[in-house]
Amino acid sequence: MSAHAFWNQSNVYEMFGLDFMLDENLNLWFIECNSSPQLIGTNEYKTNFLVKMLEDLFEIQYSFYRSRMKRLLNLLKKINQQAEREGRIRTSKWKREYTKISANRLEPEYQISPNNSFKLIMDLSRQGADAYFGHILPECAAL
């Protein structure tokens, strides 16, 4: 419903605090969403949870930054080689190439560790219901 308002870039994120409650019939109820949740460790368990969450978040961000930087440095080498070889740079070619390398993807050496507590729930580079890893029904993905 609000996806249109989000930036679709791996170097941009926003953290939300979502509160849920179970009733006596084990129905899950959404209570509220906080756009700026407090990250205060009020006890040892919560402190450990927050530290792990932030470590895992930084691992993801760092992996995407490193992956994109690797591709960008390779592109700059190619542009430099062309400039040295031809004495000019064909910008339209490199703009298309830059668009490709800027995609949100991880290089093999920067994959997220298996013990990271975050789980990928949506990947819009995949098509239809596959983009949601089975979290929603195919007929819902078509909407």
C-alpha atoms as a PDB file:
ATOM      1  CA  MET A   1       0.000   0.000   0.000  1.00  0.00           C
ATOM      2  CA  SER A   2       2.831   2.426   0.695  1.00  0.00           C
ATOM      3  CA  ALA A   3       5.569   0.797  -1.428  1.00  0.00           C
ATOM      4  CA  HIS A   4       5.395   3.662  -3.918  1.00  0.00           C
ATOM      5  CA  ALA A   5       6.801   6.003  -1.250  1.00  0.00           C
ATOM      6  CA  PHE A   6       9.909   3.915  -0.502  1.00  0.00           C
ATOM      7  CA  TRP A   7      13.267   4.344  -2.207  1.00  0.00           C
ATOM      8  CA  ASN A   8      14.215   1.165  -4.014  1.00  0.00           C
ATOM      9  CA  GLN A   9      17.917   1.267  -3.170  1.00  0.00           C
ATOM     10  CA  SER A  10      19.971  -1.095  -1.047  1.00  0.00           C
ATOM     11  CA  ASN A  11      21.889   1.793   0.511  1.00  0.00           C
ATOM     12  CA  VAL A  12      18.722   3.289   1.980  1.00  0.00           C
ATOM     13  CA  TYR A  13      16.714   1.761   4.779  1.00  0.00           C
ATOM     14  CA  GLU A  14      14.360   2.778   7.514  1.00  0.00           C
ATOM     15  CA  MET A  15      13.684   0.894  10.709  1.00  0.00           C
ATOM     16  CA  PHE A  16      10.156   0.461  12.025  1.00  0.00           C
ATOM     17  CA  GLY A  17       8.958  -0.986  15.307  1.00  0.00           C
ATOM     18  CA  LEU A  18       5.906  -3.203  14.817  1.00  0.00           C
ATOM     19  CA  ASP A  19       3.779  -4.256  17.776  1.00  0.00           C
ATOM     20  CA  PHE A  20       1.567  -7.337  17.589  1.00  0.00           C
ATOM     21  CA  MET A  21      -0.597  -9.165  20.111  1.00  0.00           C
ATOM     22  CA  LEU A  22      -2.092 -12.668  20.267  1.00  0.00           C
ATOM     23  CA  ASP A  23      -5.639 -13.014  21.557  1.00  0.00           C
ATOM     24  CA  GLU A  24      -7.053 -16.008  23.478  1.00  0.00           C
ATOM     25  CA  ASN A  25      -7.771 -17.797  20.146  1.00  0.00           C
ATOM     26  CA  LEU A  26      -4.186 -17.251  18.975  1.00  0.00           C
ATOM     27  CA  ASN A  27      -5.287 -14.706  16.375  1.00  0.00           C
ATOM     28  CA  LEU A  28      -2.508 -12.257  15.602  1.00  0.00           C
ATOM     29  CA  TRP A  29      -3.473  -8.582  15.881  1.00  0.00           C
ATOM     30  CA  PHE A  30      -1.444  -5.667  14.619  1.00  0.00           C
ATOM     31  CA  ILE A  31      -1.339  -2.983  17.315  1.00  0.00           C
ATOM     32  CA  GLU A  32       0.867  -0.182  16.005  1.00  0.00           C
ATOM     33  CA  CYS A  33       3.867   0.787  13.917  1.00  0.00           C
ATOM     34  CA  ASN A  34       6.517   3.174  15.218  1.00  0.00           C
ATOM     35  CA  SER A  35       8.572   4.974  12.591  1.00  0.00           C
ATOM     36  CA  SER A  36      11.364   5.729  15.049  1.00  0.00           C
ATOM     37  CA  PRO A  37      11.553   2.888  17.564  1.00  0.00           C
ATOM     38  CA  GLN A  38      13.719   3.386  20.611  1.00  0.00           C
ATOM     39  CA  LEU A  39      16.688   1.062  20.677  1.00  0.00           C
ATOM     40  CA  ILE A  40      17.216   1.033  24.426  1.00  0.00           C
ATOM     41  CA  GLY A  41      18.353  -2.099  26.202  1.00  0.00           C
ATOM     42  CA  THR A  42      16.192  -2.043  29.312  1.00  0.00           C
ATOM     43  CA  ASN A  43      17.359  -5.520  30.328  1.00  0.00           C
ATOM     44  CA  GLU A  44      20.126  -7.958  29.375  1.00  0.00           C
ATOM     45  CA  TYR A  45      17.942  -9.946  26.959  1.00  0.00           C
ATOM     46  CA  LYS A  46      16.795  -6.834  25.100  1.00  0.00           C
ATOM     47  CA  THR A  47      20.344  -5.434  25.001  1.00  0.00           C
ATOM     48  CA  ASN A  48      21.664  -8.676  23.472  1.00  0.00           C
ATOM     49  CA  PHE A  49      18.784  -8.741  20.995  1.00  0.00           C
ATOM     50  CA  LEU A  50      19.405  -5.139  19.885  1.00  0.00           C
ATOM     51  CA  VAL A  51      23.171  -5.659  19.535  1.00  0.00           C
ATOM     52  CA  LYS A  52      22.618  -8.758  17.368  1.00  0.00           C
ATOM     53  CA  MET A  53      19.976  -6.993  15.279  1.00  0.00           C
ATOM     54  CA  LEU A  54      22.248  -4.013  14.592  1.00  0.00           C
ATOM     55  CA  GLU A  55      25.286  -6.209  13.864  1.00  0.00           C
ATOM     56  CA  ASP A  56      23.225  -8.185  11.346  1.00  0.00           C
ATOM     57  CA  LEU A  57      21.817  -5.025   9.775  1.00  0.00           C
ATOM     58  CA  PHE A  58      25.322  -3.589   9.356  1.00  0.00           C
ATOM     59  CA  GLU A  59      26.517  -6.854   7.804  1.00  0.00           C
ATOM     60  CA  ILE A  60      23.786  -6.596   5.168  1.00  0.00           C
ATOM     61  CA  GLN A  61      24.470  -2.925   4.450  1.00  0.00           C
ATOM     62  CA  TYR A  62      28.228  -3.499   4.287  1.00  0.00           C
ATOM     63  CA  SER A  63      27.810  -6.468   1.917  1.00  0.00           C
ATOM     64  CA  PHE A  64      25.697  -4.424  -0.494  1.00  0.00           C
ATOM     65  CA  TYR A  65      28.104  -1.471  -0.337  1.00  0.00           C
ATOM     66  CA  ARG A  66      31.131  -3.692  -0.977  1.00  0.00           C
ATOM     67  CA  SER A  67      29.393  -5.506  -3.832  1.00  0.00           C
ATOM     68  CA  ARG A  68      28.367  -2.281  -5.537  1.00  0.00           C
ATOM     69  CA  MET A  69      31.807  -0.731  -4.983  1.00  0.00           C
ATOM     70  CA  LYS A  70      33.520  -3.743  -6.555  1.00  0.00           C
ATOM     71  CA  ARG A  71      31.355  -3.398  -9.677  1.00  0.00           C
ATOM     72  CA  LEU A  72      31.837   0.376  -9.772  1.00  0.00           C
ATOM     73  CA  LEU A  73      35.638   0.126  -9.548  1.00  0.00           C
ATOM     74  CA  ASN A  74      35.650  -2.426 -12.376  1.00  0.00           C
ATOM     75  CA  LEU A  75      33.524  -0.062 -14.477  1.00  0.00           C
ATOM     76  CA  LEU A  76      35.872   2.854 -13.781  1.00  0.00           C
ATOM     77  CA  LYS A  77      38.819   0.729 -14.940  1.00  0.00           C
ATOM     78  CA  LYS A  78      36.996  -0.026 -18.201  1.00  0.00           C
ATOM     79  CA  ILE A  79      36.149   3.659 -18.731  1.00  0.00           C
ATOM     80  CA  ASN A  80      39.760   4.629 -18.069  1.00  0.00           C
ATOM     81  CA  GLN A  81      41.015   1.986 -20.528  1.00  0.00           C
ATOM     82  CA  GLN A  82      38.650   3.300 -23.198  1.00  0.00           C
ATOM     83  CA  ALA A  83      39.752   6.888 -22.565  1.00  0.00           C
ATOM     84  CA  GLU A  84      43.416   5.897 -22.879  1.00  0.00           C
ATOM     85  CA  ARG A  85      42.767   3.804 -25.999  1.00  0.00           C
ATOM     86  CA  GLU A  86      40.399   6.144 -27.874  1.00  0.00           C
ATOM     87  CA  GLY A  87      41.086   9.521 -26.302  1.00  0.00           C
ATOM     88  CA  ARG A  88      37.404   9.961 -25.471  1.00  0.00           C
ATOM     89  CA  ILE A  89      34.603   8.418 -23.421  1.00  0.00           C
ATOM     90  CA  ARG A  90      31.306   7.250 -24.952  1.00  0.00           C
ATOM     91  CA  THR A  91      29.025   8.269 -22.082  1.00  0.00           C
ATOM     92  CA  SER A  92      25.804   6.666 -23.364  1.00  0.00           C
ATOM     93  CA  LYS A  93      27.409   3.212 -23.282  1.00  0.00           C
ATOM     94  CA  TRP A  94      28.712   3.736 -19.743  1.00  0.00           C
ATOM     95  CA  LYS A  95      25.406   5.122 -18.469  1.00  0.00           C
ATOM     96  CA  ARG A  96      23.685   1.871 -19.503  1.00  0.00           C
ATOM     97  CA  GLU A  97      26.484  -0.145 -17.902  1.00  0.00           C
ATOM     98  CA  TYR A  98      26.235   1.901 -14.688  1.00  0.00           C
ATOM     99  CA  THR A  99      22.485   1.204 -14.492  1.00  0.00           C
ATOM    100  CA  LYS A 100      23.213  -2.534 -14.665  1.00  0.00           C
ATOM    101  CA  ILE A 101      25.929  -2.544 -12.013  1.00  0.00           C
ATOM    102  CA  SER A 102      23.869  -0.421  -9.622  1.00  0.00           C
ATOM    103  CA  ALA A 103      21.291  -3.184  -9.190  1.00  0.00           C
ATOM    104  CA  ASN A 104      20.750  -4.500  -5.681  1.00  0.00           C
ATOM    105  CA  ARG A 105      22.669  -7.748  -5.730  1.00  0.00           C
ATOM    106  CA  LEU A 106      25.493  -9.311  -3.796  1.00  0.00           C
ATOM    107  CA  GLU A 107      28.749 -10.496  -5.280  1.00  0.00           C
ATOM    108  CA  PRO A 108      29.637 -14.090  -4.274  1.00  0.00           C
ATOM    109  CA  GLU A 109      32.388 -13.036  -1.859  1.00  0.00           C
ATOM    110  CA  TYR A 110      30.012 -10.696  -0.004  1.00  0.00           C
ATOM    111  CA  GLN A 111      27.109 -13.071   0.677  1.00  0.00           C
ATOM    112  CA  ILE A 112      25.239 -12.696   3.969  1.00  0.00           C
ATOM    113  CA  SER A 113      26.333 -15.182   6.641  1.00  0.00           C
ATOM    114  CA  PRO A 114      23.879 -18.003   7.420  1.00  0.00           C
ATOM    115  CA  ASN A 115      23.689 -16.971  11.096  1.00  0.00           C
ATOM    116  CA  ASN A 116      22.324 -13.513  10.195  1.00  0.00           C
ATOM    117  CA  SER A 117      18.954 -13.115  11.914  1.00  0.00           C
ATOM    118  CA  PHE A 118      17.393 -11.164   9.018  1.00  0.00           C
ATOM    119  CA  LYS A 119      15.569 -13.219   6.395  1.00  0.00           C
ATOM    120  CA  LEU A 120      14.892 -12.115   2.832  1.00  0.00           C
ATOM    121  CA  ILE A 121      11.116 -11.988   2.369  1.00  0.00           C
ATOM    122  CA  MET A 122      10.862 -10.111  -0.925  1.00  0.00           C
ATOM    123  CA  ASP A 123      13.082  -9.719  -3.997  1.00  0.00           C
ATOM    124  CA  LEU A 124      11.537  -7.658  -6.776  1.00  0.00           C
ATOM    125  CA  SER A 125      14.156  -8.857  -9.255  1.00  0.00           C
ATOM    126  CA  ARG A 126      12.146 -12.112  -9.261  1.00  0.00           C
ATOM    127  CA  GLN A 127       8.801 -12.437 -11.035  1.00  0.00           C
ATOM    128  CA  GLY A 128       5.264 -12.891  -9.646  1.00  0.00           C
ATOM    129  CA  ALA A 129       4.819 -14.924  -6.477  1.00  0.00           C
ATOM    130  CA  ASP A 130       8.471 -16.049  -6.668  1.00  0.00           C
ATOM    131  CA  ALA A 131       9.404 -12.525  -5.573  1.00  0.00           C
ATOM    132  CA  TYR A 132       7.837 -13.316  -2.169  1.00  0.00           C
ATOM    133  CA  PHE A 133       9.491 -16.723  -1.522  1.00  0.00           C
ATOM    134  CA  GLY A 134       6.149 -18.441  -0.887  1.00  0.00           C
ATOM    135  CA  HIS A 135       5.037 -15.930   1.779  1.00  0.00           C
ATOM    136  CA  ILE A 136       1.943 -14.978  -0.227  1.00  0.00           C
ATOM    137  CA  LEU A 137      -0.329 -16.923  -2.567  1.00  0.00           C
ATOM    138  CA  PRO A 138       0.331 -16.651  -6.326  1.00  0.00           C
ATOM    139  CA  GLU A 139      -3.111 -15.132  -6.925  1.00  0.00           C
ATOM    140  CA  CYS A 140      -2.313 -12.368  -4.423  1.00  0.00           C
ATOM    141  CA  ALA A 141       1.010 -11.586  -6.123  1.00  0.00           C
ATOM    142  CA  ALA A 142      -0.815 -10.905  -9.388  1.00  0.00           C
ATOM    143  CA  LEU A 143      -2.725  -7.968  -7.879  1.00  0.00           C
END
